[in-house]
């Protein structure tokens, strides 16, 4: 990671809190001393079997919550931007269709 500081590189650790507490402590100590590039983590705190972040890492973390997007509004804007005149009603119908399809076809 030391060479990452030389260029436009960043490091992302996905599902970071699936790592064991011991490994997190070691990585936290490494990042504290060696990491000279931006690094990001994704995690789902509070799930069973997930590890809480140790203090060595937690002090570097800026927490950002991600919410479920408003599909109706997204589809509405997509349709309007493509020139559909009934973007609002079609967006609502498309959102309903997609959520229903997800519920029916997801395991």
N, C-alpha and C. Protein backbone atom coordinates (compact mmCIF):
# COMPACT_ATOMS: atom_id res chain seq x y z
N UNK A 1 0.81 -1.19 0.00
CA UNK A 1 0.00 0.00 0.00
C UNK A 1 0.85 1.26 0.00
N UNK A 2 2.10 1.14 0.39
CA UNK A 2 2.95 2.32 0.43
C UNK A 2 3.09 2.94 -0.95
N UNK A 3 3.18 2.12 -1.99
CA UNK A 3 3.33 2.64 -3.34
C UNK A 3 2.05 3.30 -3.83
N UNK A 4 0.91 3.02 -3.20
CA UNK A 4 -0.35 3.61 -3.61
C UNK A 4 -0.35 5.11 -3.47
N UNK A 5 0.44 5.65 -2.56
CA UNK A 5 0.47 7.09 -2.34
C UNK A 5 1.09 7.83 -3.52
N UNK A 6 1.79 7.11 -4.38
CA UNK A 6 2.48 7.73 -5.50
C UNK A 6 1.53 8.13 -6.63
N UNK A 7 0.41 7.44 -6.75
CA UNK A 7 -0.48 7.70 -7.87
C UNK A 7 -1.91 7.91 -7.42
N UNK A 8 -2.82 7.84 -8.37
CA UNK A 8 -4.23 8.03 -8.08
C UNK A 8 -4.87 6.69 -7.74
N UNK A 9 -4.46 6.10 -6.66
CA UNK A 9 -4.92 4.78 -6.26
C UNK A 9 -5.60 4.88 -4.91
N UNK A 10 -6.66 4.10 -4.73
CA UNK A 10 -7.27 3.98 -3.41
C UNK A 10 -7.53 2.49 -3.17
N UNK A 11 -7.76 2.16 -1.92
CA UNK A 11 -7.97 0.77 -1.53
C UNK A 11 -9.36 0.65 -0.94
N UNK A 12 -10.10 -0.38 -1.35
CA UNK A 12 -11.44 -0.62 -0.81
C UNK A 12 -11.51 -2.04 -0.26
N UNK A 13 -11.90 -2.14 0.99
CA UNK A 13 -12.12 -3.43 1.63
C UNK A 13 -13.63 -3.65 1.70
N UNK A 14 -14.13 -4.62 0.96
CA UNK A 14 -15.57 -4.90 0.92
C UNK A 14 -15.93 -5.89 2.01
N UNK A 15 -17.11 -5.70 2.63
CA UNK A 15 -17.58 -6.57 3.71
C UNK A 15 -16.50 -6.72 4.79
N UNK A 16 -15.96 -5.60 5.20
CA UNK A 16 -14.80 -5.54 6.08
C UNK A 16 -15.02 -6.24 7.41
N UNK A 17 -16.22 -6.16 7.96
CA UNK A 17 -16.43 -6.73 9.29
C UNK A 17 -16.73 -8.23 9.27
N UNK A 18 -16.48 -8.90 8.16
CA UNK A 18 -16.52 -10.36 8.13
C UNK A 18 -15.17 -10.95 8.54
N UNK A 19 -14.16 -10.10 8.62
CA UNK A 19 -12.82 -10.52 9.01
C UNK A 19 -12.81 -10.73 10.52
N UNK A 20 -12.00 -11.67 11.00
CA UNK A 20 -11.95 -11.94 12.44
C UNK A 20 -11.39 -10.76 13.21
N UNK A 21 -11.70 -10.68 14.49
CA UNK A 21 -11.25 -9.58 15.34
C UNK A 21 -9.72 -9.50 15.37
N UNK A 22 -9.05 -10.64 15.43
CA UNK A 22 -7.58 -10.65 15.46
C UNK A 22 -7.00 -10.07 14.18
N UNK A 23 -7.56 -10.47 13.05
CA UNK A 23 -7.09 -9.95 11.76
C UNK A 23 -7.37 -8.45 11.64
N UNK A 24 -8.52 -8.02 12.14
CA UNK A 24 -8.85 -6.59 12.11
C UNK A 24 -7.86 -5.77 12.93
N UNK A 25 -7.47 -6.28 14.10
CA UNK A 25 -6.50 -5.58 14.95
C UNK A 25 -5.17 -5.42 14.22
N UNK A 26 -4.70 -6.51 13.58
CA UNK A 26 -3.43 -6.46 12.85
C UNK A 26 -3.50 -5.50 11.68
N UNK A 27 -4.59 -5.56 10.93
CA UNK A 27 -4.76 -4.67 9.79
C UNK A 27 -4.87 -3.22 10.25
N UNK A 28 -5.57 -2.99 11.35
CA UNK A 28 -5.70 -1.65 11.89
C UNK A 28 -4.34 -1.06 12.25
N UNK A 29 -3.48 -1.86 12.88
CA UNK A 29 -2.14 -1.40 13.24
C UNK A 29 -1.33 -1.09 11.97
N UNK A 30 -1.47 -1.92 10.94
CA UNK A 30 -0.76 -1.70 9.68
C UNK A 30 -1.23 -0.41 9.02
N UNK A 31 -2.54 -0.24 8.93
CA UNK A 31 -3.08 0.95 8.28
C UNK A 31 -2.71 2.21 9.02
N UNK A 32 -2.65 2.12 10.34
CA UNK A 32 -2.30 3.27 11.17
C UNK A 32 -0.89 3.76 10.86
N UNK A 33 0.02 2.82 10.60
CA UNK A 33 1.43 3.16 10.41
C UNK A 33 1.81 3.32 8.94
N UNK A 34 1.35 2.43 8.09
CA UNK A 34 1.87 2.32 6.72
C UNK A 34 1.01 2.95 5.63
N UNK A 35 -0.30 2.93 5.78
CA UNK A 35 -1.17 3.34 4.68
C UNK A 35 -1.04 4.83 4.39
N UNK A 36 -0.65 5.15 3.19
CA UNK A 36 -0.48 6.55 2.80
C UNK A 36 -1.44 6.91 1.65
N UNK A 37 -2.41 6.05 1.42
CA UNK A 37 -3.39 6.29 0.37
C UNK A 37 -4.77 6.29 1.01
N UNK A 38 -5.75 6.84 0.33
CA UNK A 38 -7.11 6.77 0.85
C UNK A 38 -7.59 5.32 0.87
N UNK A 39 -8.28 4.93 1.91
CA UNK A 39 -8.83 3.58 1.97
C UNK A 39 -10.26 3.65 2.48
N UNK A 40 -11.06 2.76 1.95
CA UNK A 40 -12.49 2.76 2.22
C UNK A 40 -12.91 1.36 2.62
N UNK A 41 -13.95 1.27 3.43
CA UNK A 41 -14.48 -0.04 3.80
C UNK A 41 -15.99 -0.04 3.61
N UNK A 42 -16.52 -1.21 3.32
CA UNK A 42 -17.96 -1.40 3.33
C UNK A 42 -18.25 -2.44 4.38
N UNK A 43 -19.36 -2.29 5.07
CA UNK A 43 -19.71 -3.25 6.10
C UNK A 43 -21.19 -3.15 6.44
N UNK A 44 -21.68 -4.19 7.04
CA UNK A 44 -23.05 -4.23 7.52
C UNK A 44 -23.02 -4.50 9.02
N UNK A 45 -22.92 -3.45 9.83
CA UNK A 45 -22.80 -3.66 11.27
C UNK A 45 -24.09 -4.23 11.87
N UNK A 46 -23.93 -4.95 12.96
CA UNK A 46 -25.09 -5.46 13.67
C UNK A 46 -25.59 -6.81 13.20
N UNK A 47 -25.07 -7.35 12.11
CA UNK A 47 -25.49 -8.66 11.65
C UNK A 47 -24.83 -9.73 12.49
N UNK A 48 -25.51 -10.83 12.70
CA UNK A 48 -24.96 -11.94 13.48
C UNK A 48 -23.68 -12.46 12.84
N UNK A 49 -22.66 -12.66 13.67
CA UNK A 49 -21.39 -13.18 13.18
C UNK A 49 -20.45 -12.12 12.65
N UNK A 50 -20.86 -10.87 12.66
CA UNK A 50 -20.00 -9.79 12.17
C UNK A 50 -19.18 -9.24 13.33
N UNK A 51 -18.00 -8.76 13.02
CA UNK A 51 -17.07 -8.24 14.01
C UNK A 51 -17.21 -6.72 14.09
N UNK A 52 -17.18 -6.18 15.30
CA UNK A 52 -17.17 -4.73 15.47
C UNK A 52 -15.77 -4.21 15.14
N UNK A 53 -15.70 -2.97 14.67
CA UNK A 53 -14.40 -2.40 14.32
C UNK A 53 -13.59 -2.09 15.57
N UNK A 54 -12.30 -2.45 15.57
CA UNK A 54 -11.45 -2.09 16.71
C UNK A 54 -11.13 -0.60 16.71
N UNK A 55 -10.70 -0.09 17.86
CA UNK A 55 -10.43 1.35 18.01
C UNK A 55 -9.38 1.85 17.02
N UNK A 56 -8.38 1.01 16.70
CA UNK A 56 -7.31 1.43 15.77
C UNK A 56 -7.87 1.77 14.39
N UNK A 57 -8.94 1.13 14.00
CA UNK A 57 -9.56 1.40 12.70
C UNK A 57 -10.69 2.40 12.85
N UNK A 58 -11.46 2.26 13.91
CA UNK A 58 -12.65 3.08 14.11
C UNK A 58 -12.32 4.57 14.14
N UNK A 59 -11.14 4.94 14.63
CA UNK A 59 -10.79 6.36 14.70
C UNK A 59 -10.56 6.98 13.33
N UNK A 60 -10.37 6.15 12.30
CA UNK A 60 -10.14 6.65 10.94
C UNK A 60 -11.41 6.63 10.09
N UNK A 61 -12.50 6.15 10.66
CA UNK A 61 -13.71 5.89 9.88
C UNK A 61 -14.67 7.07 9.94
N UNK A 62 -15.10 7.49 8.78
CA UNK A 62 -16.19 8.45 8.66
C UNK A 62 -17.41 7.62 8.27
N UNK A 63 -18.38 7.58 9.12
CA UNK A 63 -19.54 6.72 8.87
C UNK A 63 -20.54 7.39 7.92
N UNK A 64 -20.97 6.63 6.96
CA UNK A 64 -21.97 7.09 6.00
C UNK A 64 -23.03 6.01 5.90
N UNK A 65 -24.27 6.37 6.09
CA UNK A 65 -25.36 5.41 5.97
C UNK A 65 -25.91 5.43 4.56
N UNK A 66 -26.24 4.29 4.07
CA UNK A 66 -26.81 4.16 2.74
C UNK A 66 -28.27 3.72 2.92
N UNK A 67 -29.15 4.36 2.21
CA UNK A 67 -30.57 4.05 2.33
C UNK A 67 -31.07 3.39 1.05
N UNK A 68 -32.23 2.82 1.13
CA UNK A 68 -32.87 2.22 -0.03
C UNK A 68 -33.32 3.35 -0.96
N UNK A 69 -32.95 3.29 -2.23
CA UNK A 69 -33.31 4.38 -3.15
C UNK A 69 -34.81 4.42 -3.43
N UNK A 70 -35.29 5.59 -3.78
CA UNK A 70 -36.69 5.79 -4.15
C UNK A 70 -36.84 5.40 -5.62
N UNK A 71 -37.21 4.15 -5.87
CA UNK A 71 -37.29 3.64 -7.24
C UNK A 71 -38.30 4.39 -8.09
N UNK A 72 -39.42 4.78 -7.48
CA UNK A 72 -40.43 5.52 -8.25
C UNK A 72 -39.83 6.80 -8.83
N UNK A 73 -39.12 7.53 -7.98
CA UNK A 73 -38.53 8.79 -8.43
C UNK A 73 -37.43 8.55 -9.47
N UNK A 74 -36.62 7.52 -9.26
CA UNK A 74 -35.54 7.22 -10.23
C UNK A 74 -36.12 6.87 -11.59
N UNK A 75 -37.11 5.96 -11.62
CA UNK A 75 -37.71 5.58 -12.90
C UNK A 75 -38.43 6.77 -13.54
N UNK A 76 -39.08 7.57 -12.72
CA UNK A 76 -39.78 8.75 -13.24
C UNK A 76 -38.79 9.69 -13.94
N UNK A 77 -37.68 9.97 -13.29
CA UNK A 77 -36.67 10.87 -13.87
C UNK A 77 -36.04 10.27 -15.13
N UNK A 78 -35.80 8.97 -15.11
CA UNK A 78 -35.24 8.31 -16.30
C UNK A 78 -36.19 8.45 -17.48
N UNK A 79 -37.47 8.21 -17.23
CA UNK A 79 -38.45 8.28 -18.31
C UNK A 79 -38.62 9.71 -18.82
N UNK A 80 -38.72 10.68 -17.91
CA UNK A 80 -38.82 12.08 -18.33
C UNK A 80 -37.60 12.51 -19.13
N UNK A 81 -36.41 12.07 -18.69
CA UNK A 81 -35.19 12.48 -19.40
C UNK A 81 -35.10 11.87 -20.79
N UNK A 82 -35.82 10.77 -21.01
CA UNK A 82 -35.86 10.15 -22.33
C UNK A 82 -37.01 10.69 -23.18
N UNK A 83 -37.77 11.64 -22.64
CA UNK A 83 -38.81 12.28 -23.43
C UNK A 83 -40.22 11.74 -23.23
N UNK A 84 -40.41 10.85 -22.29
CA UNK A 84 -41.76 10.33 -22.04
C UNK A 84 -42.61 11.41 -21.37
N UNK A 85 -43.81 11.64 -21.89
CA UNK A 85 -44.70 12.67 -21.35
C UNK A 85 -45.40 12.20 -20.07
N UNK A 86 -45.65 10.91 -19.96
CA UNK A 86 -46.30 10.35 -18.77
C UNK A 86 -45.28 9.67 -17.86
N UNK A 87 -44.14 10.31 -17.66
CA UNK A 87 -43.06 9.73 -16.86
C UNK A 87 -43.47 9.41 -15.44
N UNK A 88 -44.33 10.26 -14.86
CA UNK A 88 -44.73 10.04 -13.47
C UNK A 88 -45.56 8.76 -13.32
N UNK A 89 -46.60 8.61 -14.11
CA UNK A 89 -47.45 7.43 -13.96
C UNK A 89 -46.71 6.16 -14.42
N UNK A 90 -45.93 6.28 -15.49
CA UNK A 90 -45.17 5.12 -15.95
C UNK A 90 -44.07 4.73 -14.96
N UNK A 91 -43.46 5.74 -14.32
CA UNK A 91 -42.42 5.48 -13.33
C UNK A 91 -42.96 4.70 -12.15
N UNK A 92 -44.16 5.07 -11.69
CA UNK A 92 -44.79 4.34 -10.58
C UNK A 92 -45.12 2.91 -10.98
N UNK A 93 -45.63 2.75 -12.18
CA UNK A 93 -45.97 1.40 -12.66
C UNK A 93 -44.71 0.55 -12.84
N UNK A 94 -43.66 1.14 -13.37
CA UNK A 94 -42.41 0.42 -13.58
C UNK A 94 -41.79 0.02 -12.24
N UNK A 95 -41.83 0.92 -11.26
CA UNK A 95 -41.30 0.61 -9.93
C UNK A 95 -42.08 -0.54 -9.30
N UNK A 96 -43.40 -0.49 -9.41
CA UNK A 96 -44.24 -1.57 -8.86
C UNK A 96 -43.91 -2.90 -9.54
N UNK A 97 -43.77 -2.86 -10.86
CA UNK A 97 -43.44 -4.07 -11.62
C UNK A 97 -42.10 -4.65 -11.18
N UNK A 98 -41.07 -3.79 -11.04
CA UNK A 98 -39.73 -4.26 -10.69
C UNK A 98 -39.68 -4.82 -9.27
N UNK A 99 -40.35 -4.17 -8.32
CA UNK A 99 -40.37 -4.67 -6.94
C UNK A 99 -41.12 -5.99 -6.88
N UNK A 100 -42.22 -6.10 -7.60
CA UNK A 100 -43.00 -7.35 -7.63
C UNK A 100 -42.18 -8.46 -8.25
N UNK A 101 -41.50 -8.18 -9.36
CA UNK A 101 -40.65 -9.19 -10.01
C UNK A 101 -39.54 -9.64 -9.06
N UNK A 102 -38.92 -8.71 -8.37
CA UNK A 102 -37.85 -9.04 -7.40
C UNK A 102 -38.39 -9.96 -6.32
N UNK A 103 -39.56 -9.62 -5.78
CA UNK A 103 -40.15 -10.42 -4.70
C UNK A 103 -40.53 -11.82 -5.19
N UNK A 104 -41.01 -11.92 -6.40
CA UNK A 104 -41.44 -13.21 -6.93
C UNK A 104 -40.28 -14.11 -7.35
N UNK A 105 -39.23 -13.52 -7.88
CA UNK A 105 -38.16 -14.32 -8.47
C UNK A 105 -36.89 -14.42 -7.65
N UNK A 106 -36.84 -13.73 -6.52
CA UNK A 106 -35.65 -13.83 -5.66
C UNK A 106 -35.82 -15.01 -4.70
N UNK A 107 -34.71 -15.66 -4.39
CA UNK A 107 -34.83 -16.82 -3.48
C UNK A 107 -35.19 -16.41 -2.08
